[in-house]
Amino acid sequence: MSSSPRNISVTLLGKEYVVACPPEAEAELLKAAAYLDKKMQDIRAGGRIIGAEKVAVMAALNITYELQASQAAERQVVNSRLDHLSLLLEKTLSE
């Protein structure tokens, strides 16, 4: 059963944000915020993008790309495993 949300403070590019979060998700939220802050810091340190909003958009695009690439790789592994299991099943049924 989920508890009522608590206000959690996270810092992104030196600015504090308060986010409502269920207590059981707090650790993951803090981990996600730290990851996002690192991505934003890296983009800003590159010096080619100016402005927190543009940095945030680029970080979001980069993280979305990472997520999609990870999901595609995972799908490929699952499909390969399913193909292998299908072959084993066909072999077993034909015997």
N, C-alpha and C. Protein backbone atom coordinates (compact mmCIF):
# COMPACT_ATOMS: atom_id res chain seq x y z
N MET A 1 0.83 -1.17 0.00
CA MET A 1 0.00 0.00 0.00
C MET A 1 0.89 1.25 0.00
N SER A 2 0.60 2.19 -0.85
CA SER A 2 1.41 3.38 -1.01
C SER A 2 1.09 4.40 0.08
N SER A 3 2.14 5.02 0.61
CA SER A 3 1.97 6.07 1.61
C SER A 3 1.73 7.40 0.92
N SER A 4 1.28 8.37 1.68
CA SER A 4 1.04 9.68 1.08
C SER A 4 2.37 10.33 0.72
N PRO A 5 2.38 11.09 -0.40
CA PRO A 5 3.63 11.69 -0.88
C PRO A 5 4.24 12.66 0.13
N ARG A 6 5.56 12.73 0.10
CA ARG A 6 6.30 13.69 0.91
C ARG A 6 7.00 14.65 -0.05
N ASN A 7 7.33 15.82 0.42
CA ASN A 7 8.08 16.77 -0.38
C ASN A 7 9.57 16.47 -0.25
N ILE A 8 10.21 16.22 -1.40
CA ILE A 8 11.63 15.91 -1.44
C ILE A 8 12.32 17.03 -2.21
N SER A 9 13.44 17.47 -1.70
CA SER A 9 14.21 18.53 -2.35
C SER A 9 15.32 17.92 -3.20
N VAL A 10 15.39 18.34 -4.46
CA VAL A 10 16.47 17.92 -5.35
C VAL A 10 17.12 19.17 -5.93
N THR A 11 18.38 19.05 -6.29
CA THR A 11 19.11 20.18 -6.86
C THR A 11 19.57 19.84 -8.26
N LEU A 12 19.21 20.72 -9.21
CA LEU A 12 19.61 20.57 -10.61
C LEU A 12 20.27 21.86 -11.06
N LEU A 13 21.51 21.75 -11.51
CA LEU A 13 22.30 22.92 -11.92
C LEU A 13 22.32 24.00 -10.85
N GLY A 14 22.43 23.56 -9.61
CA GLY A 14 22.54 24.49 -8.50
C GLY A 14 21.23 25.11 -8.04
N LYS A 15 20.13 24.74 -8.67
CA LYS A 15 18.83 25.28 -8.28
C LYS A 15 18.03 24.17 -7.59
N GLU A 16 17.39 24.53 -6.48
CA GLU A 16 16.64 23.56 -5.70
C GLU A 16 15.19 23.48 -6.20
N TYR A 17 14.71 22.24 -6.31
CA TYR A 17 13.33 21.97 -6.69
C TYR A 17 12.72 21.05 -5.64
N VAL A 18 11.46 21.29 -5.32
CA VAL A 18 10.75 20.43 -4.37
C VAL A 18 9.76 19.60 -5.17
N VAL A 19 9.84 18.29 -4.96
CA VAL A 19 9.04 17.33 -5.72
C VAL A 19 8.26 16.45 -4.76
N ALA A 20 6.97 16.25 -5.02
CA ALA A 20 6.18 15.33 -4.21
C ALA A 20 6.53 13.91 -4.63
N CYS A 21 6.75 13.06 -3.64
CA CYS A 21 7.21 11.70 -3.93
C CYS A 21 6.76 10.76 -2.82
N PRO A 22 6.23 9.58 -3.19
CA PRO A 22 5.91 8.60 -2.14
C PRO A 22 7.20 8.16 -1.44
N PRO A 23 7.15 7.92 -0.15
CA PRO A 23 8.36 7.55 0.59
C PRO A 23 9.09 6.35 0.00
N GLU A 24 8.36 5.37 -0.52
CA GLU A 24 9.01 4.18 -1.07
C GLU A 24 9.75 4.44 -2.38
N ALA A 25 9.52 5.59 -3.01
CA ALA A 25 10.20 5.93 -4.26
C ALA A 25 11.28 6.99 -4.07
N GLU A 26 11.49 7.41 -2.84
CA GLU A 26 12.42 8.51 -2.58
C GLU A 26 13.84 8.20 -3.05
N ALA A 27 14.34 7.03 -2.75
CA ALA A 27 15.72 6.69 -3.14
C ALA A 27 15.89 6.72 -4.65
N GLU A 28 14.91 6.19 -5.37
CA GLU A 28 14.99 6.19 -6.83
C GLU A 28 14.87 7.60 -7.39
N LEU A 29 14.04 8.43 -6.78
CA LEU A 29 13.92 9.82 -7.22
C LEU A 29 15.24 10.55 -7.04
N LEU A 30 15.86 10.38 -5.90
CA LEU A 30 17.15 11.03 -5.64
C LEU A 30 18.22 10.54 -6.61
N LYS A 31 18.20 9.26 -6.90
CA LYS A 31 19.14 8.70 -7.87
C LYS A 31 18.90 9.28 -9.26
N ALA A 32 17.64 9.38 -9.67
CA ALA A 32 17.30 9.95 -10.97
C ALA A 32 17.70 11.42 -11.04
N ALA A 33 17.45 12.16 -9.97
CA ALA A 33 17.82 13.58 -9.95
C ALA A 33 19.33 13.76 -10.04
N ALA A 34 20.08 12.91 -9.36
CA ALA A 34 21.54 12.99 -9.42
C ALA A 34 22.03 12.69 -10.84
N TYR A 35 21.42 11.71 -11.49
CA TYR A 35 21.78 11.36 -12.86
C TYR A 35 21.47 12.52 -13.80
N LEU A 36 20.29 13.10 -13.67
CA LEU A 36 19.90 14.24 -14.49
C LEU A 36 20.82 15.43 -14.25
N ASP A 37 21.14 15.71 -13.00
CA ASP A 37 22.03 16.82 -12.69
C ASP A 37 23.40 16.60 -13.33
N LYS A 38 23.91 15.38 -13.28
CA LYS A 38 25.21 15.07 -13.90
C LYS A 38 25.15 15.31 -15.40
N LYS A 39 24.09 14.85 -16.04
CA LYS A 39 23.94 15.06 -17.49
C LYS A 39 23.88 16.55 -17.80
N MET A 40 23.12 17.29 -17.02
CA MET A 40 22.99 18.74 -17.25
C MET A 40 24.32 19.45 -17.01
N GLN A 41 25.04 19.05 -15.98
CA GLN A 41 26.35 19.64 -15.70
C GLN A 41 27.31 19.38 -16.87
N ASP A 42 27.29 18.15 -17.39
CA ASP A 42 28.17 17.79 -18.51
C ASP A 42 27.85 18.63 -19.75
N ILE A 43 26.56 18.80 -20.02
CA ILE A 43 26.15 19.58 -21.19
C ILE A 43 26.57 21.04 -21.02
N ARG A 44 26.32 21.59 -19.86
CA ARG A 44 26.70 22.98 -19.60
C ARG A 44 28.21 23.16 -19.67
N ALA A 45 28.96 22.18 -19.15
CA ALA A 45 30.43 22.26 -19.17
C ALA A 45 30.97 22.22 -20.60
N GLY A 46 30.21 21.62 -21.52
CA GLY A 46 30.63 21.60 -22.92
C GLY A 46 30.70 22.98 -23.52
N GLY A 47 29.97 23.92 -22.93
CA GLY A 47 30.06 25.31 -23.32
C GLY A 47 29.33 25.71 -24.59
N ARG A 48 28.72 24.77 -25.27
CA ARG A 48 28.06 25.10 -26.54
C ARG A 48 26.59 25.46 -26.35
N ILE A 49 26.01 25.08 -25.22
CA ILE A 49 24.60 25.36 -24.97
C ILE A 49 24.48 26.26 -23.75
N ILE A 50 23.77 27.35 -23.94
CA ILE A 50 23.63 28.34 -22.87
C ILE A 50 22.16 28.41 -22.46
N GLY A 51 21.93 28.51 -21.18
CA GLY A 51 20.58 28.64 -20.65
C GLY A 51 20.11 27.33 -20.06
N ALA A 52 19.59 27.42 -18.85
CA ALA A 52 19.17 26.22 -18.12
C ALA A 52 18.08 25.45 -18.87
N GLU A 53 17.17 26.17 -19.51
CA GLU A 53 16.09 25.50 -20.23
C GLU A 53 16.63 24.68 -21.40
N LYS A 54 17.54 25.24 -22.16
CA LYS A 54 18.13 24.51 -23.29
C LYS A 54 18.97 23.33 -22.80
N VAL A 55 19.69 23.54 -21.72
CA VAL A 55 20.47 22.44 -21.13
C VAL A 55 19.54 21.32 -20.71
N ALA A 56 18.41 21.67 -20.08
CA ALA A 56 17.45 20.65 -19.62
C ALA A 56 16.86 19.89 -20.81
N VAL A 57 16.54 20.60 -21.89
CA VAL A 57 15.98 19.94 -23.07
C VAL A 57 17.00 19.00 -23.68
N MET A 58 18.25 19.42 -23.79
CA MET A 58 19.29 18.55 -24.35
C MET A 58 19.52 17.33 -23.46
N ALA A 59 19.50 17.53 -22.16
CA ALA A 59 19.66 16.41 -21.23
C ALA A 59 18.50 15.43 -21.40
N ALA A 60 17.29 15.96 -21.54
CA ALA A 60 16.12 15.10 -21.73
C ALA A 60 16.25 14.31 -23.03
N LEU A 61 16.69 14.96 -24.09
CA LEU A 61 16.88 14.25 -25.37
C LEU A 61 17.94 13.17 -25.25
N ASN A 62 19.05 13.49 -24.60
CA ASN A 62 20.12 12.50 -24.44
C ASN A 62 19.67 11.31 -23.60
N ILE A 63 18.96 11.57 -22.53
CA ILE A 63 18.49 10.49 -21.66
C ILE A 63 17.44 9.64 -22.39
N THR A 64 16.58 10.29 -23.16
CA THR A 64 15.58 9.56 -23.94
C THR A 64 16.25 8.67 -24.97
N TYR A 65 17.28 9.19 -25.61
CA TYR A 65 18.04 8.38 -26.58
C TYR A 65 18.66 7.17 -25.89
N GLU A 66 19.28 7.38 -24.73
CA GLU A 66 19.86 6.27 -23.97
C GLU A 66 18.81 5.22 -23.63
N LEU A 67 17.64 5.68 -23.19
CA LEU A 67 16.56 4.77 -22.83
C LEU A 67 16.11 3.95 -24.04
N GLN A 68 15.91 4.61 -25.16
CA GLN A 68 15.46 3.91 -26.36
C GLN A 68 16.51 2.91 -26.84
N ALA A 69 17.78 3.29 -26.79
CA ALA A 69 18.84 2.37 -27.20
C ALA A 69 18.89 1.16 -26.28
N SER A 70 18.72 1.40 -24.98
CA SER A 70 18.72 0.31 -24.01
C SER A 70 17.53 -0.63 -24.24
N GLN A 71 16.36 -0.04 -24.50
CA GLN A 71 15.18 -0.86 -24.75
C GLN A 71 15.33 -1.68 -26.03
N ALA A 72 15.92 -1.09 -27.07
CA ALA A 72 16.13 -1.81 -28.33
C ALA A 72 17.09 -2.97 -28.11
N ALA A 73 18.15 -2.75 -27.36
CA ALA A 73 19.11 -3.82 -27.07
C ALA A 73 18.44 -4.93 -26.26
N GLU A 74 17.62 -4.54 -25.30
CA GLU A 74 16.91 -5.52 -24.47
C GLU A 74 15.93 -6.34 -25.32
N ARG A 75 15.22 -5.66 -26.24
CA ARG A 75 14.30 -6.37 -27.14
C ARG A 75 15.06 -7.37 -28.00
N GLN A 76 16.24 -6.96 -28.46
CA GLN A 76 17.04 -7.85 -29.29
C GLN A 76 17.46 -9.10 -28.51
N VAL A 77 17.85 -8.93 -27.27
CA VAL A 77 18.24 -10.06 -26.43
C VAL A 77 17.04 -10.98 -26.20
N VAL A 78 15.88 -10.38 -25.89
CA VAL A 78 14.67 -11.17 -25.65
C VAL A 78 14.27 -11.92 -26.92
N ASN A 79 14.28 -11.25 -28.06
CA ASN A 79 13.92 -11.91 -29.31
C ASN A 79 14.87 -13.04 -29.66
N SER A 80 16.15 -12.83 -29.42
CA SER A 80 17.13 -13.88 -29.67
C SER A 80 16.87 -15.09 -28.77
N ARG A 81 16.58 -14.82 -27.52
CA ARG A 81 16.29 -15.91 -26.57
C ARG A 81 15.01 -16.64 -26.97
N LEU A 82 13.98 -15.89 -27.39
CA LEU A 82 12.73 -16.51 -27.84
C LEU A 82 12.95 -17.37 -29.08
N ASP A 83 13.77 -16.88 -30.02
CA ASP A 83 14.10 -17.67 -31.21
C ASP A 83 14.78 -18.97 -30.83
N HIS A 84 15.72 -18.88 -29.90
CA HIS A 84 16.42 -20.07 -29.44
C HIS A 84 15.46 -21.06 -28.78
N LEU A 85 14.60 -20.55 -27.91
CA LEU A 85 13.63 -21.42 -27.24
C LEU A 85 12.65 -22.03 -28.24
N SER A 86 12.28 -21.27 -29.25
CA SER A 86 11.38 -21.77 -30.28
C SER A 86 12.03 -22.92 -31.04
N LEU A 87 13.29 -22.77 -31.37
CA LEU A 87 14.02 -23.85 -32.04
C LEU A 87 14.09 -25.09 -31.18
N LEU A 88 14.38 -24.88 -29.90
CA LEU A 88 14.43 -26.03 -28.98
C LEU A 88 13.07 -26.71 -28.88
N LEU A 89 12.02 -25.94 -28.84
CA LEU A 89 10.68 -26.49 -28.77
C LEU A 89 10.32 -27.28 -30.02
N GLU A 90 10.62 -26.71 -31.19
CA GLU A 90 10.37 -27.41 -32.45
C GLU A 90 11.16 -28.70 -32.52
N LYS A 91 12.41 -28.67 -32.09
CA LYS A 91 13.25 -29.86 -32.11
C LYS A 91 12.67 -30.94 -31.19
N THR A 92 12.26 -30.52 -29.99
CA THR A 92 11.70 -31.46 -29.02
C THR A 92 10.40 -32.07 -29.52
N LEU A 93 9.56 -31.25 -30.12
CA LEU A 93 8.26 -31.74 -30.63
C LEU A 93 8.43 -32.66 -31.83
N SER A 94 9.47 -32.47 -32.60
CA SER A 94 9.66 -33.31 -33.80
C SER A 94 10.27 -34.66 -33.44
N GLU A 95 10.79 -34.79 -32.26
CA GLU A 95 11.42 -36.07 -31.84
C GLU A 95 10.42 -37.08 -31.38
